Amino acid sequence: MKETKKCIIVDDEPAAHYVLANYIKQNPQLELVFQGYNGVEAMDYLRENKVDLMFLDINMPEISGMELLKIIPTHPKTILTTAYSEFALESYDYGVIDYLLKPIYFPRFLKAIDRFFATENVKNREEEVINSVTVKVDGYFMDIGLDQLLFAQSFGNYVKIHTLKRTYLASITTAELEKCLPEKSFMRIHKSYIVALDKIEESEKDFVVIKNEKLPVGITYRRELTDRLKNKDHI
C-alpha cells in the first residue's frame, strides 16, 4: 500500500470545497487533512503541519492565492483553482504544478493529480541517487560530496561553497545550487545562505553557527527552520 499524500483545500467558496473534497475522497492515495476558507487560516495551518499538496483558490478576500504563495517561503506543491484564467502564466513562477478552471470537472481533476504524482516520483528518484553536486570551479567541473558541504554563500553571480576541507568559488547562483540539493538535507535560511541542516551546531532566533561561522537567518525562514530542526533533532 502506497503512502497517502496529505492535501488541503484553501478556498472561500463552500461549493468549491464540496466538489474538491468529493473528488479527493475518491482517490485512496490522497488524504484531506484541512479545509481553510482564507489565506490566514492556511498560513496558520501550514506553519504547524506538513502538507504534500494544496488546492488553492486565487481570488480570496484579504490574502489572495498568489499573495499567499509569495508570503510562504516554502509551500506545498500547489494546484490552483479559480474561475479566471489570466493568472496562469504568473502562477508557474511559484512552483504551481497545475491550474484548474472552475467549474472543475472530474477528468480534469484526475489529470492534475496524475501530474502531481509524476512530480513526486521524479523527486523520490532524485533523492535516492543524489550524494554529490557538480559545480564549475576555475573553469573545471568538479563533484562535491554532500556529506562534506557545510553551507553556501551568495557572492554575486558566484557562490562560495564551504566544505569540511576548504572553500570553493563556484560559477553558479544560489538559486541554481538550491535546485541541485536534496530538500530534506539542505535549506535556504537567508536570501544569501543555504545550509546543511545536520551541520548546524547552534541555533538562535537570528543566526545559526556552523564551524564557528555565525550565519544570519532571514525573518521569513525562521519558523520553518525552527520546525525542521525540532523535527530532525539536529540541535
Protein backbone atom coordinates (compact mmCIF):
# COMPACT_ATOMS: atom_id res chain seq x y z
CA MET A 1 0.00 0.00 0.00
CA LYS A 2 1.49 3.31 -1.06
CA GLU A 3 1.77 6.11 1.45
CA THR A 4 -1.11 8.55 1.22
CA LYS A 5 -0.36 12.18 0.43
CA LYS A 6 -1.79 14.83 2.72
CA CYS A 7 -3.66 17.61 0.97
CA ILE A 8 -5.57 20.73 1.93
CA ILE A 9 -8.20 22.94 0.30
CA VAL A 10 -7.96 26.72 0.59
CA ASP A 11 -10.95 28.44 -0.97
CA ASP A 12 -13.54 30.98 0.20
CA GLU A 13 -16.36 29.22 -1.69
CA PRO A 14 -18.14 26.36 0.15
CA ALA A 15 -19.28 24.92 -3.18
CA ALA A 16 -15.67 24.53 -4.29
CA HIS A 17 -14.85 22.71 -1.04
CA TYR A 18 -17.74 20.32 -1.63
CA VAL A 19 -16.62 19.44 -5.16
CA LEU A 20 -12.90 19.07 -4.36
CA ALA A 21 -13.47 17.14 -1.14
CA ASN A 22 -15.71 14.69 -3.02
CA TYR A 23 -13.08 14.22 -5.73
CA ILE A 24 -10.30 13.74 -3.19
CA LYS A 25 -12.27 11.08 -1.31
CA GLN A 26 -12.44 9.03 -4.50
CA ASN A 27 -8.63 8.74 -4.62
CA PRO A 28 -7.25 6.36 -1.94
CA GLN A 29 -3.76 7.88 -2.34
CA LEU A 30 -4.97 11.28 -1.13
CA GLU A 31 -5.94 12.27 2.40
CA LEU A 32 -7.80 15.54 3.02
CA VAL A 33 -6.43 16.87 6.32
CA PHE A 34 -7.58 20.50 6.36
CA GLN A 35 -10.08 22.86 4.75
CA GLY A 36 -9.47 26.61 5.04
CA TYR A 37 -11.60 29.47 3.79
CA ASN A 38 -8.97 32.22 3.64
CA GLY A 39 -5.21 32.73 3.36
CA VAL A 40 -4.72 33.46 7.06
CA GLU A 41 -6.19 30.10 8.09
CA ALA A 42 -3.94 28.39 5.55
CA MET A 43 -0.81 30.17 6.82
CA ASP A 44 -1.57 29.18 10.42
CA TYR A 45 -2.07 25.54 9.46
CA LEU A 46 0.99 25.30 7.23
CA ARG A 47 3.23 26.73 9.96
CA GLU A 48 2.40 23.77 12.19
CA ASN A 49 1.79 20.90 9.77
CA LYS A 50 3.47 19.16 6.85
CA VAL A 51 1.36 19.04 3.70
CA ASP A 52 2.11 17.42 0.34
CA LEU A 53 -0.46 19.11 -1.90
CA MET A 54 -2.54 22.31 -1.69
CA PHE A 55 -5.61 23.14 -3.75
CA LEU A 56 -5.56 26.93 -3.70
CA ASP A 57 -8.09 29.45 -4.95
CA ILE A 58 -6.59 32.61 -6.43
CA ASN A 59 -9.39 35.08 -5.73
CA MET A 60 -9.92 35.29 -1.97
CA PRO A 61 -10.51 38.30 0.31
CA GLU A 62 -7.69 39.78 2.43
CA ILE A 63 -4.92 37.50 1.09
CA SER A 64 -5.22 36.17 -2.45
CA GLY A 65 -3.84 32.82 -3.51
CA MET A 66 -0.96 34.44 -5.37
CA GLU A 67 -0.11 36.60 -2.35
CA LEU A 68 -0.13 33.50 -0.14
CA LEU A 69 2.40 31.78 -2.41
CA LYS A 70 4.64 34.85 -2.24
CA ILE A 71 4.42 35.09 1.57
CA ILE A 72 5.16 31.43 2.37
CA PRO A 73 8.87 30.77 1.61
CA THR A 74 8.39 27.02 1.29
CA HIS A 75 4.90 25.90 0.40
CA PRO A 76 3.42 22.54 -0.63
CA LYS A 77 3.07 21.61 -4.25
CA THR A 78 0.09 23.60 -5.40
CA ILE A 79 -2.79 23.18 -7.81
CA LEU A 80 -4.55 26.49 -8.38
CA THR A 81 -8.34 26.63 -8.65
CA THR A 82 -10.13 29.69 -9.99
CA ALA A 83 -12.87 30.95 -12.26
CA TYR A 84 -10.40 33.20 -14.09
CA SER A 85 -7.52 32.25 -16.37
CA GLU A 86 -5.47 35.45 -16.56
CA PHE A 87 -3.13 34.44 -13.72
CA ALA A 88 -1.99 31.19 -15.31
CA LEU A 89 1.42 32.33 -16.58
CA GLU A 90 2.38 34.19 -13.39
CA SER A 91 1.40 31.22 -11.22
CA TYR A 92 4.03 28.94 -12.71
CA ASP A 93 6.75 31.24 -11.35
CA TYR A 94 5.83 29.95 -7.88
CA GLY A 95 6.15 26.24 -8.45
CA VAL A 96 2.47 25.64 -9.23
CA ILE A 97 2.12 22.25 -10.90
CA ASP A 98 -1.31 22.71 -12.48
CA TYR A 99 -4.20 25.08 -12.93
CA LEU A 100 -7.87 24.03 -12.66
CA LEU A 101 -10.52 26.31 -14.10
CA LYS A 102 -13.90 26.35 -12.34
CA PRO A 103 -16.24 24.60 -12.65
CA ILE A 104 -13.82 21.74 -12.09
CA TYR A 105 -14.67 18.51 -13.88
CA PHE A 106 -13.55 15.14 -12.56
CA PRO A 107 -11.48 14.05 -15.62
CA ARG A 108 -9.52 17.33 -15.48
CA PHE A 109 -9.03 16.85 -11.72
CA LEU A 110 -7.61 13.37 -12.34
CA LYS A 111 -5.18 14.75 -14.90
CA ALA A 112 -3.89 17.28 -12.37
CA ILE A 113 -3.47 14.54 -9.76
CA ASP A 114 -1.53 12.40 -12.23
CA ARG A 115 0.79 15.36 -12.81
CA PHE A 116 1.27 15.74 -9.04
CA PHE A 117 2.24 12.09 -8.58
CA ALA A 118 4.56 12.27 -11.59
CA THR A 119 6.48 15.11 -9.92
CA GLU A 120 6.56 13.14 -6.66
CA ASN A 121 8.04 10.10 -8.41
CA VAL A 122 10.75 12.24 -10.02
CA LYS A 123 11.61 13.82 -6.66
CA ASN A 124 11.84 10.42 -4.96
CA ARG A 125 14.15 9.03 -7.65
CA GLU A 126 16.41 12.08 -7.45
CA GLU A 127 16.68 11.90 -3.66
CA GLU A 128 17.64 8.22 -3.85
CA VAL A 129 20.70 8.78 -6.05
CA ILE A 130 22.00 12.26 -5.17
CA ASN A 131 25.13 12.14 -2.99
CA SER A 132 27.14 14.91 -4.64
CA VAL A 133 26.72 18.16 -6.51
CA THR A 134 28.61 19.11 -9.67
CA VAL A 135 29.81 22.71 -9.94
CA LYS A 136 32.24 24.68 -12.10
CA VAL A 137 35.32 25.95 -10.25
CA ASP A 138 38.15 27.82 -12.04
CA GLY A 139 36.81 26.68 -15.39
CA TYR A 140 36.65 22.97 -14.46
CA PHE A 141 33.71 20.86 -13.35
CA MET A 142 34.09 19.03 -10.06
CA ASP A 143 31.94 16.95 -7.74
CA ILE A 144 31.50 17.97 -4.12
CA GLY A 145 30.16 15.31 -1.76
CA LEU A 146 27.01 16.44 0.01
CA ASP A 147 28.31 14.99 3.27
CA GLN A 148 31.23 17.44 3.01
CA LEU A 149 29.14 20.54 2.32
CA LEU A 150 28.65 22.90 5.29
CA PHE A 151 26.95 25.91 3.77
CA ALA A 152 26.81 28.01 0.61
CA GLN A 153 27.08 31.80 0.49
CA SER A 154 25.93 34.04 -2.36
CA PHE A 155 28.76 36.03 -3.96
CA GLY A 156 27.33 37.97 -6.91
CA ASN A 157 26.91 35.55 -9.81
CA TYR A 158 29.04 33.04 -7.92
CA VAL A 159 28.62 31.01 -4.75
CA LYS A 160 31.17 30.36 -2.04
CA ILE A 161 30.74 26.69 -1.15
CA HIS A 162 32.16 25.97 2.30
CA THR A 163 33.08 22.33 2.92
CA LEU A 164 34.79 20.44 5.72
CA LYS A 165 38.17 20.79 3.98
CA ARG A 166 38.12 24.07 2.05
CA THR A 167 36.05 26.79 0.37
CA TYR A 168 35.30 26.81 -3.37
CA LEU A 169 34.17 29.75 -5.51
CA ALA A 170 31.73 28.12 -7.91
CA SER A 171 30.29 29.58 -11.10
CA ILE A 172 26.65 29.11 -10.13
CA THR A 173 23.94 31.19 -8.48
CA THR A 174 22.45 30.42 -5.09
CA ALA A 175 19.07 29.72 -6.69
CA GLU A 176 20.62 27.26 -9.17
CA LEU A 177 22.56 25.48 -6.41
CA GLU A 178 19.46 25.21 -4.25
CA LYS A 179 17.68 23.27 -7.01
CA CYS A 180 20.56 20.74 -7.08
CA LEU A 181 20.45 19.98 -3.35
CA PRO A 182 18.06 17.48 -1.72
CA GLU A 183 15.40 19.41 0.15
CA LYS A 184 15.36 17.06 3.13
CA SER A 185 19.01 17.80 3.99
CA PHE A 186 19.53 21.41 2.95
CA MET A 187 17.61 24.63 3.48
CA ARG A 188 17.85 28.26 2.49
CA ILE A 189 17.93 30.28 5.73
CA HIS A 190 18.52 33.68 4.15
CA LYS A 191 18.45 35.13 0.64
CA SER A 192 22.25 34.68 0.58
CA TYR A 193 22.74 31.42 2.52
CA ILE A 194 21.92 27.72 2.16
CA VAL A 195 22.96 25.38 4.97
CA ALA A 196 23.34 21.66 5.58
CA LEU A 197 20.86 21.06 8.40
CA ASP A 198 22.93 18.33 10.03
CA LYS A 199 25.98 20.63 10.24
CA ILE A 200 24.24 23.26 12.39
CA GLU A 201 25.90 23.35 15.81
CA GLU A 202 23.89 26.15 17.39
CA SER A 203 20.62 27.86 16.52
CA GLU A 204 19.27 31.16 17.77
CA LYS A 205 16.45 33.40 16.56
CA ASP A 206 18.59 35.49 14.22
CA PHE A 207 21.50 33.19 13.38
CA VAL A 208 22.93 29.68 13.27
CA VAL A 209 26.50 28.56 13.89
CA ILE A 210 28.41 26.15 11.65
CA LYS A 211 32.12 25.56 12.33
CA ASN A 212 32.41 28.81 14.31
CA GLU A 213 30.78 30.76 11.46
CA LYS A 214 27.72 32.79 12.51
CA LEU A 215 25.21 32.83 9.63
CA PRO A 216 22.15 35.12 9.54
CA VAL A 217 18.62 33.72 9.45
CA GLY A 218 16.10 35.76 7.45
CA ILE A 219 12.81 36.56 9.14
CA THR A 220 10.76 34.68 6.53
CA TYR A 221 12.74 31.48 7.15
CA ARG A 222 12.78 31.43 10.97
CA ARG A 223 9.64 29.43 11.62
CA GLU A 224 10.42 26.76 9.04
CA LEU A 225 13.99 26.41 10.28
CA THR A 226 12.82 26.02 13.88
CA ASP A 227 10.28 23.38 12.85
CA ARG A 228 12.76 21.42 10.75
CA LEU A 229 15.43 21.42 13.43
CA LYS A 230 12.89 20.36 16.02
CA ASN A 231 11.55 17.53 13.87
CA LYS A 232 15.00 16.23 12.90
CA ASP A 233 16.59 16.78 16.33
CA HIS A 234 19.63 18.43 14.81
CA ILE A 235 20.13 20.66 17.83
